[in-house]
Amino acid sequence: MSAGRTINTGSQHWGTPRKYVNAVREMFRGTIDLDPCSNQYSIVGARVELALPKHDGLKEEWNYPRIYVNPLVRH
């Protein structure tokens, strides 16, 4: 299932669809402090984005109150 996404198996750059980013912002009252798994195509707009490949967000500090990670699971 694609959950409304267009699947591009030739790319490893996956972005969160705008409708989900908007829902997360609404839940967080407008602010996302950290996107630890960002990339150059990210539309999340967090105050801090740890963009690959320069940063490995899994190895960085996550000491922020509102963190968003796209829970994409590839089968």
C-alpha atoms as a PDB file:
ATOM      1  CA  MET A   1       0.000   0.000   0.000  1.00  0.00           C
ATOM      2  CA  SER A   2       1.226   3.474  -0.760  1.00  0.00           C
ATOM      3  CA  ALA A   3      -0.831   5.477   1.778  1.00  0.00           C
ATOM      4  CA  GLY A   4      -1.442   8.061  -0.920  1.00  0.00           C
ATOM      5  CA  ARG A   5       2.218   8.419  -1.892  1.00  0.00           C
ATOM      6  CA  THR A   6       3.590   8.045  -5.373  1.00  0.00           C
ATOM      7  CA  ILE A   7       6.086   5.231  -5.222  1.00  0.00           C
ATOM      8  CA  ASN A   8       9.446   5.875  -6.838  1.00  0.00           C
ATOM      9  CA  THR A   9      11.559   2.791  -6.266  1.00  0.00           C
ATOM     10  CA  GLY A  10      14.521   4.407  -8.032  1.00  0.00           C
ATOM     11  CA  SER A  11      14.969   6.968  -5.253  1.00  0.00           C
ATOM     12  CA  GLN A  12      16.019   6.718  -1.626  1.00  0.00           C
ATOM     13  CA  HIS A  13      14.714  10.238  -0.918  1.00  0.00           C
ATOM     14  CA  TRP A  14      11.316   9.861   0.702  1.00  0.00           C
ATOM     15  CA  GLY A  15       9.430  12.883   1.908  1.00  0.00           C
ATOM     16  CA  THR A  16       6.442  13.180   4.174  1.00  0.00           C
ATOM     17  CA  PRO A  17       3.311  14.178   2.223  1.00  0.00           C
ATOM     18  CA  ARG A  18       2.090  17.699   3.040  1.00  0.00           C
ATOM     19  CA  LYS A  19      -1.211  16.490   4.560  1.00  0.00           C
ATOM     20  CA  TYR A  20       0.715  14.554   7.225  1.00  0.00           C
ATOM     21  CA  VAL A  21       3.118  17.422   7.929  1.00  0.00           C
ATOM     22  CA  ASN A  22       0.115  19.727   8.388  1.00  0.00           C
ATOM     23  CA  ALA A  23      -1.559  17.241  10.763  1.00  0.00           C
ATOM     24  CA  VAL A  24       1.621  16.937  12.849  1.00  0.00           C
ATOM     25  CA  ARG A  25       2.024  20.724  13.003  1.00  0.00           C
ATOM     26  CA  GLU A  26      -1.583  21.037  14.153  1.00  0.00           C
ATOM     27  CA  MET A  27      -1.030  18.415  16.872  1.00  0.00           C
ATOM     28  CA  PHE A  28       2.190  20.186  17.961  1.00  0.00           C
ATOM     29  CA  ARG A  29       0.396  23.567  17.931  1.00  0.00           C
ATOM     30  CA  GLY A  30       2.322  24.796  14.893  1.00  0.00           C
ATOM     31  CA  THR A  31       5.897  23.989  15.842  1.00  0.00           C
ATOM     32  CA  ILE A  32       8.124  21.043  15.079  1.00  0.00           C
ATOM     33  CA  ASP A  33      11.431  21.461  16.897  1.00  0.00           C
ATOM     34  CA  LEU A  34      13.452  18.610  15.396  1.00  0.00           C
ATOM     35  CA  ASP A  35      13.389  16.506  12.242  1.00  0.00           C
ATOM     36  CA  PRO A  36      16.302  14.116  12.848  1.00  0.00           C
ATOM     37  CA  CYS A  37      15.892  12.345   9.501  1.00  0.00           C
ATOM     38  CA  SER A  38      15.632  15.249   7.106  1.00  0.00           C
ATOM     39  CA  ASN A  39      16.955  15.564   3.579  1.00  0.00           C
ATOM     40  CA  GLN A  40      17.153  18.282   0.940  1.00  0.00           C
ATOM     41  CA  TYR A  41      13.573  17.547  -0.161  1.00  0.00           C
ATOM     42  CA  SER A  42      12.034  17.846   3.317  1.00  0.00           C
ATOM     43  CA  ILE A  43       8.937  20.029   3.728  1.00  0.00           C
ATOM     44  CA  VAL A  44       8.689  19.475   7.490  1.00  0.00           C
ATOM     45  CA  GLY A  45      10.275  22.839   8.298  1.00  0.00           C
ATOM     46  CA  ALA A  46      11.516  21.958  11.774  1.00  0.00           C
ATOM     47  CA  ARG A  47      13.552  24.506  13.736  1.00  0.00           C
ATOM     48  CA  VAL A  48      16.438  21.990  13.581  1.00  0.00           C
ATOM     49  CA  GLU A  49      16.846  19.574  10.695  1.00  0.00           C
ATOM     50  CA  LEU A  50      19.626  17.005  10.725  1.00  0.00           C
ATOM     51  CA  ALA A  51      19.914  16.498   6.993  1.00  0.00           C
ATOM     52  CA  LEU A  52      21.485  13.431   5.508  1.00  0.00           C
ATOM     53  CA  PRO A  53      24.199  12.765   4.495  1.00  0.00           C
ATOM     54  CA  LYS A  54      25.953  15.513   6.495  1.00  0.00           C
ATOM     55  CA  HIS A  55      24.284  14.418   9.756  1.00  0.00           C
ATOM     56  CA  ASP A  56      23.207  11.006  10.937  1.00  0.00           C
ATOM     57  CA  GLY A  57      20.121  11.917  12.965  1.00  0.00           C
ATOM     58  CA  LEU A  58      20.197   8.566  14.748  1.00  0.00           C
ATOM     59  CA  LYS A  59      23.557   9.483  16.280  1.00  0.00           C
ATOM     60  CA  GLU A  60      22.702  13.086  17.250  1.00  0.00           C
ATOM     61  CA  GLU A  61      21.126  14.409  20.459  1.00  0.00           C
ATOM     62  CA  TRP A  62      17.302  14.497  20.453  1.00  0.00           C
ATOM     63  CA  ASN A  63      16.859  16.860  23.394  1.00  0.00           C
ATOM     64  CA  TYR A  64      13.899  18.788  21.927  1.00  0.00           C
ATOM     65  CA  PRO A  65      10.258  18.938  23.081  1.00  0.00           C
ATOM     66  CA  ARG A  66       8.537  18.309  19.701  1.00  0.00           C
ATOM     67  CA  ILE A  67      10.235  15.771  17.423  1.00  0.00           C
ATOM     68  CA  TYR A  68       8.893  14.369  14.182  1.00  0.00           C
ATOM     69  CA  VAL A  69      10.200  11.328  12.321  1.00  0.00           C
ATOM     70  CA  ASN A  70       8.376   9.982   9.297  1.00  0.00           C
ATOM     71  CA  PRO A  71       7.449   6.410  10.306  1.00  0.00           C
ATOM     72  CA  LEU A  72       7.810   5.085   6.754  1.00  0.00           C
ATOM     73  CA  VAL A  73       8.103   1.329   6.698  1.00  0.00           C
ATOM     74  CA  ARG A  74       9.269  -0.251   3.483  1.00  0.00           C
ATOM     75  CA  HIS A  75       8.284  -3.876   2.912  1.00  0.00           C
END
